[in-house]
Amino acid sequence: MIEEVHLWGIYMPAALAWGVLAALLVYALRPALQRLPLERLLWHPSLAELALFFLLWWGLGALADRLPAGWFTS
């Protein structure tokens, strides 16, 4: 399990790094999701975006745990 990530001389918790990356991905995917007709059928689109955020956050964390530790830590 990766606990800290070293980015440009700054150590930060890995969960924070994956959370920020997941938020950026959701922000980038948001216009594409709004064009889908599925978006109109959802009861509350913000909940779908929040669920997507948590799925991406979990997925990035799981992916980082499977990669060799030297890729993200120094």
PDB file of N, CA and C in Angstrom:
ATOM      1  N   MET A   1       0.848  -1.173   0.000  1.00  0.00           N
ATOM      2  CA  MET A   1       0.000   0.000   0.000  1.00  0.00           C
ATOM      3  C   MET A   1       0.894   1.236   0.000  1.00  0.00           C
ATOM      4  N   ILE A   2       0.601   2.127  -0.938  1.00  0.00           N
ATOM      5  CA  ILE A   2       1.340   3.380  -1.018  1.00  0.00           C
ATOM      6  C   ILE A   2       0.692   4.373  -0.063  1.00  0.00           C
ATOM      7  N   GLU A   3       1.472   4.920   0.855  1.00  0.00           N
ATOM      8  CA  GLU A   3       0.909   5.842   1.830  1.00  0.00           C
ATOM      9  C   GLU A   3       1.240   7.291   1.537  1.00  0.00           C
ATOM     10  N   GLU A   4       2.352   7.539   0.859  1.00  0.00           N
ATOM     11  CA  GLU A   4       2.731   8.902   0.511  1.00  0.00           C
ATOM     12  C   GLU A   4       3.210   8.940  -0.931  1.00  0.00           C
ATOM     13  N   VAL A   5       2.931  10.063  -1.570  1.00  0.00           N
ATOM     14  CA  VAL A   5       3.366  10.279  -2.938  1.00  0.00           C
ATOM     15  C   VAL A   5       4.286  11.493  -2.934  1.00  0.00           C
ATOM     16  N   HIS A   6       5.381  11.377  -3.657  1.00  0.00           N
ATOM     17  CA  HIS A   6       6.363  12.456  -3.736  1.00  0.00           C
ATOM     18  C   HIS A   6       6.177  13.177  -5.064  1.00  0.00           C
ATOM     19  N   LEU A   7       5.642  14.417  -5.019  1.00  0.00           N
ATOM     20  CA  LEU A   7       5.424  15.205  -6.228  1.00  0.00           C
ATOM     21  C   LEU A   7       6.179  16.516  -6.106  1.00  0.00           C
ATOM     22  N   TRP A   8       7.123  16.726  -6.991  1.00  0.00           N
ATOM     23  CA  TRP A   8       7.907  17.967  -7.060  1.00  0.00           C
ATOM     24  C   TRP A   8       8.452  18.397  -5.695  1.00  0.00           C
ATOM     25  N   GLY A   9       8.987  17.468  -4.952  1.00  0.00           N
ATOM     26  CA  GLY A   9       9.594  17.777  -3.673  1.00  0.00           C
ATOM     27  C   GLY A   9       8.644  17.859  -2.503  1.00  0.00           C
ATOM     28  N   ILE A  10       7.379  17.554  -2.738  1.00  0.00           N
ATOM     29  CA  ILE A  10       6.384  17.623  -1.671  1.00  0.00           C
ATOM     30  C   ILE A  10       5.815  16.232  -1.436  1.00  0.00           C
ATOM     31  N   TYR A  11       5.829  15.792  -0.192  1.00  0.00           N
ATOM     32  CA  TYR A  11       5.198  14.527   0.167  1.00  0.00           C
ATOM     33  C   TYR A  11       3.751  14.800   0.545  1.00  0.00           C
ATOM     34  N   MET A  12       2.860  14.039  -0.053  1.00  0.00           N
ATOM     35  CA  MET A  12       1.441  14.196   0.267  1.00  0.00           C
ATOM     36  C   MET A  12       0.819  12.814   0.419  1.00  0.00           C
ATOM     37  N   PRO A  13      -0.261  12.725   1.202  1.00  0.00           N
ATOM     38  CA  PRO A  13      -0.923  11.434   1.346  1.00  0.00           C
ATOM     39  C   PRO A  13      -1.425  10.947  -0.010  1.00  0.00           C
ATOM     40  N   ALA A  14      -1.269   9.666  -0.240  1.00  0.00           N
ATOM     41  CA  ALA A  14      -1.672   9.110  -1.528  1.00  0.00           C
ATOM     42  C   ALA A  14      -3.165   9.268  -1.755  1.00  0.00           C
ATOM     43  N   ALA A  15      -3.964   9.144  -0.708  1.00  0.00           N
ATOM     44  CA  ALA A  15      -5.414   9.285  -0.872  1.00  0.00           C
ATOM     45  C   ALA A  15      -5.774  10.681  -1.363  1.00  0.00           C
ATOM     46  N   LEU A  16      -5.050  11.694  -0.891  1.00  0.00           N
ATOM     47  CA  LEU A  16      -5.294  13.060  -1.349  1.00  0.00           C
ATOM     48  C   LEU A  16      -4.945  13.200  -2.825  1.00  0.00           C
ATOM     49  N   ALA A  17      -3.821  12.636  -3.221  1.00  0.00           N
ATOM     50  CA  ALA A  17      -3.413  12.723  -4.630  1.00  0.00           C
ATOM     51  C   ALA A  17      -4.418  12.029  -5.534  1.00  0.00           C
ATOM     52  N   TRP A  18      -4.885  10.845  -5.137  1.00  0.00           N
ATOM     53  CA  TRP A  18      -5.862  10.119  -5.973  1.00  0.00           C
ATOM     54  C   TRP A  18      -7.204  10.834  -5.962  1.00  0.00           C
ATOM     55  N   GLY A  19      -7.568  11.444  -4.855  1.00  0.00           N
ATOM     56  CA  GLY A  19      -8.825  12.188  -4.784  1.00  0.00           C
ATOM     57  C   GLY A  19      -8.818  13.405  -5.698  1.00  0.00           C
ATOM     58  N   VAL A  20      -7.703  14.128  -5.709  1.00  0.00           N
ATOM     59  CA  VAL A  20      -7.591  15.300  -6.588  1.00  0.00           C
ATOM     60  C   VAL A  20      -7.623  14.864  -8.045  1.00  0.00           C
ATOM     61  N   LEU A  21      -6.923  13.775  -8.365  1.00  0.00           N
ATOM     62  CA  LEU A  21      -6.921  13.267  -9.734  1.00  0.00           C
ATOM     63  C   LEU A  21      -8.314  12.799 -10.142  1.00  0.00           C
ATOM     64  N   ALA A  22      -9.021  12.136  -9.241  1.00  0.00           N
ATOM     65  CA  ALA A  22     -10.391  11.692  -9.542  1.00  0.00           C
ATOM     66  C   ALA A  22     -11.319  12.881  -9.754  1.00  0.00           C
ATOM     67  N   ALA A  23     -11.167  13.933  -8.954  1.00  0.00           N
ATOM     68  CA  ALA A  23     -11.994  15.130  -9.130  1.00  0.00           C
ATOM     69  C   ALA A  23     -11.722  15.793 -10.476  1.00  0.00           C
ATOM     70  N   LEU A  24     -10.460  15.836 -10.877  1.00  0.00           N
ATOM     71  CA  LEU A  24     -10.132  16.413 -12.178  1.00  0.00           C
ATOM     72  C   LEU A  24     -10.714  15.581 -13.312  1.00  0.00           C
ATOM     73  N   LEU A  25     -10.680  14.256 -13.167  1.00  0.00           N
ATOM     74  CA  LEU A  25     -11.264  13.383 -14.195  1.00  0.00           C
ATOM     75  C   LEU A  25     -12.771  13.567 -14.290  1.00  0.00           C
ATOM     76  N   VAL A  26     -13.446  13.677 -13.148  1.00  0.00           N
ATOM     77  CA  VAL A  26     -14.896  13.904 -13.166  1.00  0.00           C
ATOM     78  C   VAL A  26     -15.203  15.247 -13.802  1.00  0.00           C
ATOM     79  N   TYR A  27     -14.415  16.254 -13.494  1.00  0.00           N
ATOM     80  CA  TYR A  27     -14.613  17.579 -14.092  1.00  0.00           C
ATOM     81  C   TYR A  27     -14.416  17.521 -15.602  1.00  0.00           C
ATOM     82  N   ALA A  28     -13.445  16.729 -16.060  1.00  0.00           N
ATOM     83  CA  ALA A  28     -13.193  16.609 -17.498  1.00  0.00           C
ATOM     84  C   ALA A  28     -14.281  15.798 -18.192  1.00  0.00           C
ATOM     85  N   LEU A  29     -14.847  14.812 -17.507  1.00  0.00           N
ATOM     86  CA  LEU A  29     -15.882  13.955 -18.103  1.00  0.00           C
ATOM     87  C   LEU A  29     -17.276  14.566 -18.023  1.00  0.00           C
ATOM     88  N   ARG A  30     -17.442  15.598 -17.233  1.00  0.00           N
ATOM     89  CA  ARG A  30     -18.770  16.168 -16.987  1.00  0.00           C
ATOM     90  C   ARG A  30     -19.471  16.645 -18.265  1.00  0.00           C
ATOM     91  N   PRO A  31     -18.827  17.376 -19.171  1.00  0.00           N
ATOM     92  CA  PRO A  31     -19.536  17.791 -20.402  1.00  0.00           C
ATOM     93  C   PRO A  31     -19.995  16.605 -21.251  1.00  0.00           C
ATOM     94  N   ALA A  32     -19.190  15.559 -21.313  1.00  0.00           N
ATOM     95  CA  ALA A  32     -19.585  14.384 -22.095  1.00  0.00           C
ATOM     96  C   ALA A  32     -20.774  13.683 -21.450  1.00  0.00           C
ATOM     97  N   LEU A  33     -20.804  13.630 -20.134  1.00  0.00           N
ATOM     98  CA  LEU A  33     -21.926  12.988 -19.445  1.00  0.00           C
ATOM     99  C   LEU A  33     -23.213  13.790 -19.594  1.00  0.00           C
ATOM    100  N   GLN A  34     -23.100  15.100 -19.676  1.00  0.00           N
ATOM    101  CA  GLN A  34     -24.293  15.931 -19.813  1.00  0.00           C
ATOM    102  C   GLN A  34     -24.921  15.813 -21.195  1.00  0.00           C
ATOM    103  N   ARG A  35     -24.158  15.386 -22.192  1.00  0.00           N
ATOM    104  CA  ARG A  35     -24.704  15.214 -23.535  1.00  0.00           C
ATOM    105  C   ARG A  35     -25.443  13.897 -23.692  1.00  0.00           C
ATOM    106  N   LEU A  36     -25.206  12.949 -22.803  1.00  0.00           N
ATOM    107  CA  LEU A  36     -25.861  11.643 -22.909  1.00  0.00           C
ATOM    108  C   LEU A  36     -27.327  11.759 -22.525  1.00  0.00           C
ATOM    109  N   PRO A  37     -28.191  11.010 -23.208  1.00  0.00           N
ATOM    110  CA  PRO A  37     -29.606  11.028 -22.810  1.00  0.00           C
ATOM    111  C   PRO A  37     -29.840  10.404 -21.441  1.00  0.00           C
ATOM    112  N   LEU A  38     -28.899   9.617 -20.982  1.00  0.00           N
ATOM    113  CA  LEU A  38     -29.016   9.009 -19.652  1.00  0.00           C
ATOM    114  C   LEU A  38     -29.044  10.074 -18.568  1.00  0.00           C
ATOM    115  N   GLU A  39     -28.391  11.195 -18.856  1.00  0.00           N
ATOM    116  CA  GLU A  39     -28.338  12.274 -17.863  1.00  0.00           C
ATOM    117  C   GLU A  39     -29.740  12.814 -17.540  1.00  0.00           C
ATOM    118  N   ARG A  40     -30.646  12.817 -18.524  1.00  0.00           N
ATOM    119  CA  ARG A  40     -32.004  13.335 -18.300  1.00  0.00           C
ATOM    120  C   ARG A  40     -32.860  12.358 -17.501  1.00  0.00           C
ATOM    121  N   LEU A  41     -32.497  11.089 -17.523  1.00  0.00           N
ATOM    122  CA  LEU A  41     -33.292  10.081 -16.822  1.00  0.00           C
ATOM    123  C   LEU A  41     -32.926   9.959 -15.347  1.00  0.00           C
ATOM    124  N   LEU A  42     -31.801  10.498 -14.976  1.00  0.00           N
ATOM    125  CA  LEU A  42     -31.360  10.364 -13.590  1.00  0.00           C
ATOM    126  C   LEU A  42     -32.169  11.256 -12.671  1.00  0.00           C
ATOM    127  N   TRP A  43     -32.407  10.763 -11.486  1.00  0.00           N
ATOM    128  CA  TRP A  43     -33.173  11.529 -10.523  1.00  0.00           C
ATOM    129  C   TRP A  43     -32.409  12.782 -10.099  1.00  0.00           C
ATOM    130  N   HIS A  44     -31.148  12.595  -9.817  1.00  0.00           N
ATOM    131  CA  HIS A  44     -30.326  13.728  -9.403  1.00  0.00           C
ATOM    132  C   HIS A  44     -28.943  13.550 -10.025  1.00  0.00           C
ATOM    133  N   PRO A  45     -28.634  14.292 -11.091  1.00  0.00           N
ATOM    134  CA  PRO A  45     -27.353  14.103 -11.783  1.00  0.00           C
ATOM    135  C   PRO A  45     -26.133  14.334 -10.897  1.00  0.00           C
ATOM    136  N   SER A  46     -26.256  15.182  -9.890  1.00  0.00           N
ATOM    137  CA  SER A  46     -25.099  15.416  -9.022  1.00  0.00           C
ATOM    138  C   SER A  46     -24.715  14.166  -8.238  1.00  0.00           C
ATOM    139  N   LEU A  47     -25.713  13.364  -7.886  1.00  0.00           N
ATOM    140  CA  LEU A  47     -25.398  12.116  -7.185  1.00  0.00           C
ATOM    141  C   LEU A  47     -24.652  11.152  -8.094  1.00  0.00           C
ATOM    142  N   ALA A  48     -24.992  11.156  -9.376  1.00  0.00           N
ATOM    143  CA  ALA A  48     -24.271  10.310 -10.325  1.00  0.00           C
ATOM    144  C   ALA A  48     -22.824  10.776 -10.459  1.00  0.00           C
ATOM    145  N   GLU A  49     -22.610  12.088 -10.466  1.00  0.00           N
ATOM    146  CA  GLU A  49     -21.245  12.609 -10.536  1.00  0.00           C
ATOM    147  C   GLU A  49     -20.462  12.278  -9.265  1.00  0.00           C
ATOM    148  N   LEU A  50     -21.128  12.350  -8.132  1.00  0.00           N
ATOM    149  CA  LEU A  50     -20.471  11.993  -6.871  1.00  0.00           C
ATOM    150  C   LEU A  50     -20.110  10.511  -6.846  1.00  0.00           C
ATOM    151  N   ALA A  51     -21.028   9.675  -7.352  1.00  0.00           N
ATOM    152  CA  ALA A  51     -20.735   8.246  -7.425  1.00  0.00           C
ATOM    153  C   ALA A  51     -19.573   7.971  -8.373  1.00  0.00           C
ATOM    154  N   LEU A  52     -19.540   8.694  -9.493  1.00  0.00           N
ATOM    155  CA  LEU A  52     -18.432   8.543 -10.434  1.00  0.00           C
ATOM    156  C   LEU A  52     -17.117   8.953  -9.785  1.00  0.00           C
ATOM    157  N   PHE A  53     -17.163  10.025  -8.995  1.00  0.00           N
ATOM    158  CA  PHE A  53     -15.958  10.472  -8.282  1.00  0.00           C
ATOM    159  C   PHE A  53     -15.437   9.381  -7.348  1.00  0.00           C
ATOM    160  N   PHE A  54     -16.339   8.795  -6.555  1.00  0.00           N
ATOM    161  CA  PHE A  54     -15.894   7.756  -5.615  1.00  0.00           C
ATOM    162  C   PHE A  54     -15.405   6.507  -6.339  1.00  0.00           C
ATOM    163  N   LEU A  55     -16.051   6.165  -7.463  1.00  0.00           N
ATOM    164  CA  LEU A  55     -15.581   5.005  -8.226  1.00  0.00           C
ATOM    165  C   LEU A  55     -14.197   5.259  -8.815  1.00  0.00           C
ATOM    166  N   LEU A  56     -13.989   6.460  -9.346  1.00  0.00           N
ATOM    167  CA  LEU A  56     -12.669   6.782  -9.889  1.00  0.00           C
ATOM    168  C   LEU A  56     -11.615   6.835  -8.787  1.00  0.00           C
ATOM    169  N   TRP A  57     -11.995   7.387  -7.643  1.00  0.00           N
ATOM    170  CA  TRP A  57     -11.053   7.466  -6.512  1.00  0.00           C
ATOM    171  C   TRP A  57     -10.646   6.070  -6.060  1.00  0.00           C
ATOM    172  N   TRP A  58     -11.644   5.194  -5.917  1.00  0.00           N
ATOM    173  CA  TRP A  58     -11.354   3.820  -5.529  1.00  0.00           C
ATOM    174  C   TRP A  58     -10.514   3.130  -6.607  1.00  0.00           C
ATOM    175  N   GLY A  59     -10.863   3.316  -7.879  1.00  0.00           N
ATOM    176  CA  GLY A  59     -10.147   2.672  -8.969  1.00  0.00           C
ATOM    177  C   GLY A  59      -8.705   3.128  -9.063  1.00  0.00           C
ATOM    178  N   LEU A  60      -8.474   4.420  -8.894  1.00  0.00           N
ATOM    179  CA  LEU A  60      -7.095   4.922  -8.934  1.00  0.00           C
ATOM    180  C   LEU A  60      -6.283   4.390  -7.763  1.00  0.00           C
ATOM    181  N   GLY A  61      -6.902   4.310  -6.604  1.00  0.00           N
ATOM    182  CA  GLY A  61      -6.207   3.755  -5.437  1.00  0.00           C
ATOM    183  C   GLY A  61      -5.878   2.290  -5.612  1.00  0.00           C
ATOM    184  N   ALA A  62      -6.830   1.540  -6.149  1.00  0.00           N
ATOM    185  CA  ALA A  62      -6.594   0.111  -6.382  1.00  0.00           C
ATOM    186  C   ALA A  62      -5.541  -0.093  -7.451  1.00  0.00           C
ATOM    187  N   LEU A  63      -5.572   0.746  -8.490  1.00  0.00           N
ATOM    188  CA  LEU A  63      -4.569   0.637  -9.550  1.00  0.00           C
ATOM    189  C   LEU A  63      -3.178   0.978  -9.021  1.00  0.00           C
ATOM    190  N   ALA A  64      -3.086   1.994  -8.180  1.00  0.00           N
ATOM    191  CA  ALA A  64      -1.787   2.391  -7.628  1.00  0.00           C
ATOM    192  C   ALA A  64      -1.222   1.304  -6.722  1.00  0.00           C
ATOM    193  N   ASP A  65      -2.103   0.576  -6.034  1.00  0.00           N
ATOM    194  CA  ASP A  65      -1.614  -0.501  -5.180  1.00  0.00           C
ATOM    195  C   ASP A  65      -1.079  -1.671  -5.988  1.00  0.00           C
ATOM    196  N   ARG A  66      -1.553  -1.846  -7.203  1.00  0.00           N
ATOM    197  CA  ARG A  66      -1.106  -2.962  -8.035  1.00  0.00           C
ATOM    198  C   ARG A  66       0.177  -2.641  -8.803  1.00  0.00           C
ATOM    199  N   LEU A  67       0.453  -1.359  -9.014  1.00  0.00           N
ATOM    200  CA  LEU A  67       1.662  -0.977  -9.729  1.00  0.00           C
ATOM    201  C   LEU A  67       2.862  -1.074  -8.794  1.00  0.00           C
ATOM    202  N   PRO A  68       4.048  -1.214  -9.359  1.00  0.00           N
ATOM    203  CA  PRO A  68       5.241  -1.239  -8.500  1.00  0.00           C
ATOM    204  C   PRO A  68       5.367   0.047  -7.693  1.00  0.00           C
ATOM    205  N   ALA A  69       5.815  -0.078  -6.456  1.00  0.00           N
ATOM    206  CA  ALA A  69       5.857   1.060  -5.529  1.00  0.00           C
ATOM    207  C   ALA A  69       6.805   2.154  -5.993  1.00  0.00           C
ATOM    208  N   GLY A  70       7.813   1.842  -6.761  1.00  0.00           N
ATOM    209  CA  GLY A  70       8.784   2.834  -7.191  1.00  0.00           C
ATOM    210  C   GLY A  70       8.250   3.839  -8.193  1.00  0.00           C
ATOM    211  N   TRP A  71       7.084   3.584  -8.768  1.00  0.00           N
ATOM    212  CA  TRP A  71       6.531   4.497  -9.767  1.00  0.00           C
ATOM    213  C   TRP A  71       6.058   5.796  -9.143  1.00  0.00           C
ATOM    214  N   PHE A  72       5.539   5.742  -7.909  1.00  0.00           N
ATOM    215  CA  PHE A  72       4.969   6.930  -7.305  1.00  0.00           C
ATOM    216  C   PHE A  72       5.742   7.428  -6.099  1.00  0.00           C
ATOM    217  N   THR A  73       6.629   6.645  -5.575  1.00  0.00           N
ATOM    218  CA  THR A  73       7.388   7.065  -4.406  1.00  0.00           C
ATOM    219  C   THR A  73       8.854   7.149  -4.768  1.00  0.00           C
ATOM    220  N   SER A  74       9.587   7.886  -3.999  1.00  0.00           N
ATOM    221  CA  SER A  74      11.027   8.000  -4.275  1.00  0.00           C
ATOM    222  C   SER A  74      11.803   7.253  -3.220  1.00  0.00           C
TER     223      SER A  74
END
